[in-house]
Amino acid sequence: MKKLADSKNIIRQEAIKCLSYINDIMRSGSKKDNNFIALILPYLNNSSNWHIREELLHLLIKCFLKSQDQNEFDSYQILDSVLQLFSDTKEKIRNLSLEAIAAFASIG
């Protein structure tokens, strides 16, 4: 019997849904209390697992696309973290980093 799906993908997708929901909750409060991005950036830069870096980049892009205001984020901290990934060993991570920069730049 063929394997229909990788169980790790299901877990990753549910984790991203959960983190996205947490971001939505934090965004509904005051801006000074919304440190969601600051909480995930250390994992983005320090995870030895490229799958985690990939999913966190997807999450960042999703957060950027939901936003209408760059002032909602600490631009220096985000750009510093994402630019570090331009030297990642995985091409997929380098490409996603560029997409994250583009998504961040697209915020009005």
Protein backbone atom coordinates (compact mmCIF):
# COMPACT_ATOMS: atom_id res chain seq x y z
CA MET A 1 0.00 0.00 0.00
CA LYS A 2 1.34 3.43 -0.95
CA LYS A 3 1.85 6.11 1.62
CA LEU A 4 -0.67 8.88 0.94
CA ALA A 5 0.99 11.65 2.93
CA ASP A 6 3.97 12.34 5.08
CA SER A 7 2.76 12.56 8.69
CA LYS A 8 5.45 15.19 9.37
CA ASN A 9 3.81 17.50 6.83
CA ILE A 10 0.50 17.25 8.64
CA ILE A 11 2.19 18.12 11.93
CA ARG A 12 4.05 21.05 10.32
CA GLN A 13 0.85 22.40 8.79
CA GLU A 14 -0.98 22.21 12.11
CA ALA A 15 1.92 23.94 13.88
CA ILE A 16 1.84 26.77 11.33
CA LYS A 17 -1.95 27.10 11.76
CA CYS A 18 -1.46 27.34 15.51
CA LEU A 19 1.31 29.94 15.23
CA SER A 20 -0.72 31.94 12.72
CA TYR A 21 -3.66 31.90 15.12
CA ILE A 22 -1.40 33.11 17.96
CA ASN A 23 -0.23 35.94 15.70
CA ASP A 24 -3.84 36.92 14.99
CA ILE A 25 -4.60 37.03 18.71
CA MET A 26 -1.52 39.11 19.45
CA ARG A 27 -2.31 41.53 16.58
CA SER A 28 -5.76 42.18 18.05
CA GLY A 29 -4.14 43.61 21.20
CA SER A 30 -2.04 46.72 21.57
CA LYS A 31 0.93 47.11 19.22
CA LYS A 32 3.41 47.42 22.06
CA ASP A 33 2.40 43.96 23.31
CA ASN A 34 2.70 42.24 19.92
CA ASN A 35 6.13 40.60 20.03
CA PHE A 36 5.19 37.55 17.98
CA ILE A 37 7.79 38.10 15.27
CA ALA A 38 10.49 38.78 17.86
CA LEU A 39 9.62 35.46 19.49
CA ILE A 40 10.12 33.40 16.33
CA LEU A 41 13.20 35.11 14.86
CA PRO A 42 15.70 33.36 17.17
CA TYR A 43 14.36 30.00 15.99
CA LEU A 44 14.58 31.15 12.40
CA ASN A 45 18.29 31.88 12.71
CA ASN A 46 19.35 29.19 15.15
CA SER A 47 17.50 26.08 14.08
CA SER A 48 19.75 23.37 12.73
CA ASN A 49 16.77 21.89 10.88
CA TRP A 50 16.16 23.51 7.50
CA HIS A 51 12.52 22.35 7.54
CA ILE A 52 11.90 24.53 10.59
CA ARG A 53 13.63 27.50 8.94
CA GLU A 54 11.47 26.94 5.86
CA GLU A 55 8.20 26.84 7.79
CA LEU A 56 9.12 29.91 9.84
CA LEU A 57 9.89 31.83 6.66
CA HIS A 58 6.48 30.81 5.29
CA LEU A 59 4.94 32.02 8.53
CA LEU A 60 6.78 35.35 8.33
CA ILE A 61 5.58 35.86 4.77
CA LYS A 62 2.02 35.08 5.85
CA CYS A 63 2.30 37.59 8.72
CA PHE A 64 3.63 40.25 6.37
CA LEU A 65 0.86 39.69 3.85
CA LYS A 66 -1.81 40.00 6.57
CA SER A 67 -0.40 43.32 7.69
CA GLN A 68 -1.13 46.76 6.27
CA ASP A 69 1.53 48.66 8.21
CA GLN A 70 5.30 48.16 8.31
CA ASN A 71 5.36 50.01 11.63
CA GLU A 72 3.77 46.92 13.13
CA PHE A 73 7.20 45.26 12.88
CA ASP A 74 10.76 45.97 13.95
CA SER A 75 12.21 46.40 10.45
CA TYR A 76 15.85 46.25 11.53
CA GLN A 77 15.41 43.02 13.49
CA ILE A 78 13.45 41.32 10.71
CA LEU A 79 15.79 42.35 7.90
CA ASP A 80 18.85 41.40 9.96
CA SER A 81 17.45 37.92 10.61
CA VAL A 82 16.20 37.26 7.09
CA LEU A 83 19.35 38.58 5.40
CA GLN A 84 21.44 36.14 7.44
CA LEU A 85 19.60 33.34 5.63
CA PHE A 86 20.93 34.49 2.27
CA SER A 87 24.02 32.42 3.09
CA ASP A 88 22.04 29.31 4.10
CA THR A 89 23.29 26.00 2.71
CA LYS A 90 19.85 25.20 1.26
CA GLU A 91 18.88 26.98 -1.94
CA LYS A 92 15.21 26.73 -0.97
CA ILE A 93 15.89 28.75 2.20
CA ARG A 94 17.85 31.39 0.27
CA ASN A 95 14.98 31.74 -2.23
CA LEU A 96 12.35 31.94 0.51
CA SER A 97 14.43 34.60 2.26
CA LEU A 98 14.26 36.71 -0.86
CA GLU A 99 10.49 36.15 -1.02
CA ALA A 100 10.20 37.24 2.63
CA ILE A 101 12.08 40.46 1.86
CA ALA A 102 9.78 41.09 -1.11
CA ALA A 103 6.66 40.41 1.00
CA PHE A 104 7.93 42.77 3.70
CA ALA A 105 8.68 45.47 1.12
CA SER A 106 5.16 45.13 -0.29
CA ILE A 107 3.53 46.26 2.96
CA GLY A 108 2.02 49.72 2.58
